[in-house]
Amino acid sequence: MGGHGGGSCDAKMIAVCANDYVIYASHNQGNSVTDTSHFLRLREERKRLKLTQAAAGAIAEVTRETWSRYESGAQSPGMEVLKAFALAGADVQYVLIGVRSPVTSPDERLLVERFRISPAGLRDAALRVLLGEQSGDGSRHTFKEVGQYIHGSVNQTGLTLNVGGTKGKK
């Protein structure tokens, strides 16, 4: 959401999204709302999270019938409902204004938070892992008295690695 900070869906961003929604709803009080796209996006987010109306209602502490009214546009969800939905992984910014938040899930928020506070070397290593790249320094490992050496990840069904040898066994 331009102008409101980093765009992450933290508590401050939820409050900003909810405040924007309250302002929108108060301007339309007593009038029929002709733009129902936010109600459709609410349904879309629920389905993206693979939730039934009953499950979404339980998260927001409302009945399935109330949730159904939110999705049909017969009733507008309040700030507490939107907050609970956001904390369950919904992109409330998208629901309200139709623009996806860059970070939505708790895992993504944690990843971004930890990435930002990490030293440069660790951020570089994390990016390389996520991009499937090898270490950036081009270093090679050398071992003495090793019969075989595997560099990189090993992920093969049926592969057995025996570590150690027969030295010292009687």
Protein backbone atom coordinates (compact mmCIF):
# COMPACT_ATOMS: atom_id res chain seq x y z
CA MET A 1 0.00 0.00 0.00
CA GLY A 2 1.90 3.03 -1.22
CA GLY A 3 2.75 5.67 1.33
CA HIS A 4 1.90 3.59 4.39
CA GLY A 5 5.26 2.00 5.07
CA GLY A 6 7.06 -1.12 3.97
CA GLY A 7 3.96 -2.96 2.81
CA SER A 8 4.27 -5.85 5.21
CA CYS A 9 1.06 -7.03 6.79
CA ASP A 10 2.01 -6.35 10.39
CA ALA A 11 -0.34 -4.98 13.08
CA LYS A 12 0.25 -1.38 11.94
CA MET A 13 -0.55 -2.29 8.32
CA ILE A 14 -3.69 -4.15 9.39
CA ALA A 15 -4.79 -1.03 11.27
CA VAL A 16 -4.12 1.16 8.23
CA CYS A 17 -6.04 -1.21 5.94
CA ALA A 18 -8.88 -1.41 8.43
CA ASN A 19 -8.95 2.37 8.88
CA ASP A 20 -9.10 2.86 5.10
CA TYR A 21 -11.97 0.39 5.00
CA VAL A 22 -13.84 2.10 7.86
CA ILE A 23 -13.50 5.44 6.04
CA TYR A 24 -14.79 3.82 2.83
CA ALA A 25 -17.69 2.18 4.66
CA SER A 26 -18.64 5.37 6.54
CA HIS A 27 -18.81 7.34 3.28
CA ASN A 28 -21.21 4.74 1.92
CA GLN A 29 -23.36 4.45 5.04
CA GLY A 30 -27.01 4.43 4.11
CA ASN A 31 -26.19 4.15 0.41
CA SER A 32 -26.19 1.00 -1.62
CA VAL A 33 -22.65 -0.06 -2.43
CA THR A 34 -22.33 -0.61 -6.16
CA ASP A 35 -18.71 -1.77 -6.09
CA THR A 36 -18.91 -5.30 -4.69
CA SER A 37 -15.44 -6.33 -5.82
CA HIS A 38 -14.12 -6.27 -2.24
CA PHE A 39 -16.78 -8.81 -1.24
CA LEU A 40 -15.74 -11.00 -4.16
CA ARG A 41 -12.08 -10.66 -3.13
CA LEU A 42 -13.05 -11.69 0.42
CA ARG A 43 -14.46 -14.93 -1.01
CA GLU A 44 -11.40 -15.34 -3.24
CA GLU A 45 -9.05 -15.03 -0.25
CA ARG A 46 -11.11 -17.51 1.77
CA LYS A 47 -10.89 -20.00 -1.07
CA ARG A 48 -7.16 -19.35 -1.54
CA LEU A 49 -6.69 -20.31 2.10
CA LYS A 50 -8.83 -23.43 1.47
CA LEU A 51 -11.35 -22.43 4.13
CA THR A 52 -15.07 -23.08 4.19
CA GLN A 53 -17.36 -20.23 5.17
CA ALA A 54 -17.82 -21.95 8.53
CA ALA A 55 -14.05 -22.18 9.08
CA ALA A 56 -13.51 -18.54 8.08
CA GLY A 57 -16.34 -17.56 10.39
CA ALA A 58 -14.78 -19.53 13.24
CA ILE A 59 -11.46 -17.74 12.71
CA ALA A 60 -13.24 -14.39 12.81
CA GLU A 61 -15.53 -15.50 15.66
CA VAL A 62 -18.72 -15.04 13.62
CA THR A 63 -21.26 -17.56 12.35
CA ARG A 64 -21.15 -19.15 8.91
CA GLU A 65 -24.30 -17.18 8.08
CA THR A 66 -22.62 -13.89 9.00
CA TRP A 67 -19.58 -14.80 6.88
CA SER A 68 -21.90 -15.60 4.01
CA ARG A 69 -23.44 -12.12 4.35
CA TYR A 70 -19.93 -10.60 4.15
CA GLU A 71 -19.23 -12.42 0.90
CA SER A 72 -22.60 -11.54 -0.62
CA GLY A 73 -22.22 -7.87 0.25
CA ALA A 74 -25.26 -7.84 2.54
CA GLN A 75 -23.03 -6.93 5.51
CA SER A 76 -19.55 -5.47 5.91
CA PRO A 77 -16.99 -7.17 8.15
CA GLY A 78 -15.64 -5.04 10.99
CA MET A 79 -12.07 -4.30 11.89
CA GLU A 80 -11.77 -7.25 14.33
CA VAL A 81 -13.01 -9.66 11.65
CA LEU A 82 -10.51 -8.32 9.12
CA LYS A 83 -7.70 -8.47 11.68
CA ALA A 84 -8.47 -12.11 12.54
CA PHE A 85 -8.68 -12.99 8.84
CA ALA A 86 -5.33 -11.29 8.18
CA LEU A 87 -3.67 -13.10 11.08
CA ALA A 88 -4.91 -16.37 9.55
CA GLY A 89 -2.95 -15.55 6.39
CA ALA A 90 -5.46 -13.59 4.32
CA ASP A 91 -4.24 -10.64 2.30
CA VAL A 92 -6.59 -8.00 3.73
CA GLN A 93 -4.98 -5.26 1.67
CA TYR A 94 -6.02 -7.19 -1.44
CA VAL A 95 -9.54 -7.69 -0.08
CA LEU A 96 -9.95 -3.98 0.60
CA ILE A 97 -8.27 -2.29 -2.36
CA GLY A 98 -7.50 -5.01 -4.89
CA VAL A 99 -3.70 -4.72 -4.65
CA ARG A 100 -1.76 -7.71 -3.35
CA SER A 101 0.48 -7.17 -0.33
CA PRO A 102 4.06 -8.16 -1.01
CA VAL A 103 4.13 -10.34 2.14
CA THR A 104 1.07 -12.21 3.39
CA SER A 105 1.72 -15.40 5.32
CA PRO A 106 3.21 -15.59 8.82
CA ASP A 107 6.11 -17.62 7.38
CA GLU A 108 6.82 -14.93 4.80
CA ARG A 109 6.67 -12.18 7.44
CA LEU A 110 9.10 -14.13 9.65
CA LEU A 111 11.45 -14.73 6.73
CA VAL A 112 11.48 -11.05 5.76
CA GLU A 113 11.89 -9.93 9.39
CA ARG A 114 14.84 -12.26 9.99
CA PHE A 115 16.36 -11.46 6.59
CA ARG A 116 16.33 -7.73 7.37
CA ILE A 117 18.16 -8.13 10.70
CA SER A 118 20.76 -10.61 9.40
CA PRO A 119 24.33 -9.62 8.52
CA ALA A 120 25.12 -9.22 4.82
CA GLY A 121 26.91 -12.58 4.55
CA LEU A 122 23.95 -14.47 5.94
CA ARG A 123 21.51 -12.60 3.68
CA ASP A 124 23.69 -13.54 0.69
CA ALA A 125 23.77 -17.19 1.77
CA ALA A 126 19.99 -17.24 2.26
CA LEU A 127 19.43 -15.81 -1.21
CA ARG A 128 21.77 -18.39 -2.73
CA VAL A 129 19.89 -21.22 -1.01
CA LEU A 130 16.55 -19.88 -2.18
CA LEU A 131 17.86 -19.48 -5.72
CA GLY A 132 19.45 -22.95 -5.72
CA GLU A 133 22.96 -21.61 -6.26
CA GLN A 134 26.27 -22.91 -4.93
CA SER A 135 28.45 -20.84 -2.59
CA GLY A 136 29.52 -17.58 -4.14
CA ASP A 137 33.23 -17.72 -3.24
CA GLY A 138 34.00 -20.59 -5.61
CA SER A 139 35.84 -22.44 -2.85
CA ARG A 140 36.51 -26.15 -3.08
CA HIS A 141 36.88 -28.46 -0.14
CA THR A 142 39.80 -30.86 0.02
CA PHE A 143 40.05 -33.81 2.35
CA LYS A 144 42.92 -36.18 2.95
CA GLU A 145 42.29 -39.90 3.10
CA VAL A 146 38.71 -39.72 1.85
CA GLY A 147 37.61 -42.33 -0.61
CA GLN A 148 34.72 -40.33 -2.05
CA TYR A 149 33.57 -36.77 -1.65
CA ILE A 150 30.13 -35.34 -2.33
CA HIS A 151 29.77 -31.60 -2.81
CA GLY A 152 26.27 -30.14 -2.65
CA SER A 153 23.00 -31.68 -1.64
CA VAL A 154 22.19 -35.35 -1.95
CA ASN A 155 18.57 -36.23 -2.56
CA GLN A 156 18.14 -39.58 -4.22
CA THR A 157 15.68 -42.33 -3.39
CA GLY A 158 17.33 -45.58 -2.51
CA LEU A 159 20.79 -44.07 -1.98
CA THR A 160 22.74 -45.45 0.97
CA LEU A 161 25.86 -43.75 2.26
CA ASN A 162 28.18 -45.67 4.55
CA VAL A 163 30.28 -43.29 6.58
CA GLY A 164 33.46 -44.61 8.11
CA GLY A 165 35.52 -47.55 7.09
CA THR A 166 37.05 -50.78 8.17
CA LYS A 167 40.10 -49.20 9.82
CA GLY A 168 40.41 -50.29 13.40
CA LYS A 169 37.64 -52.91 13.15
CA LYS A 170 38.54 -56.40 14.25
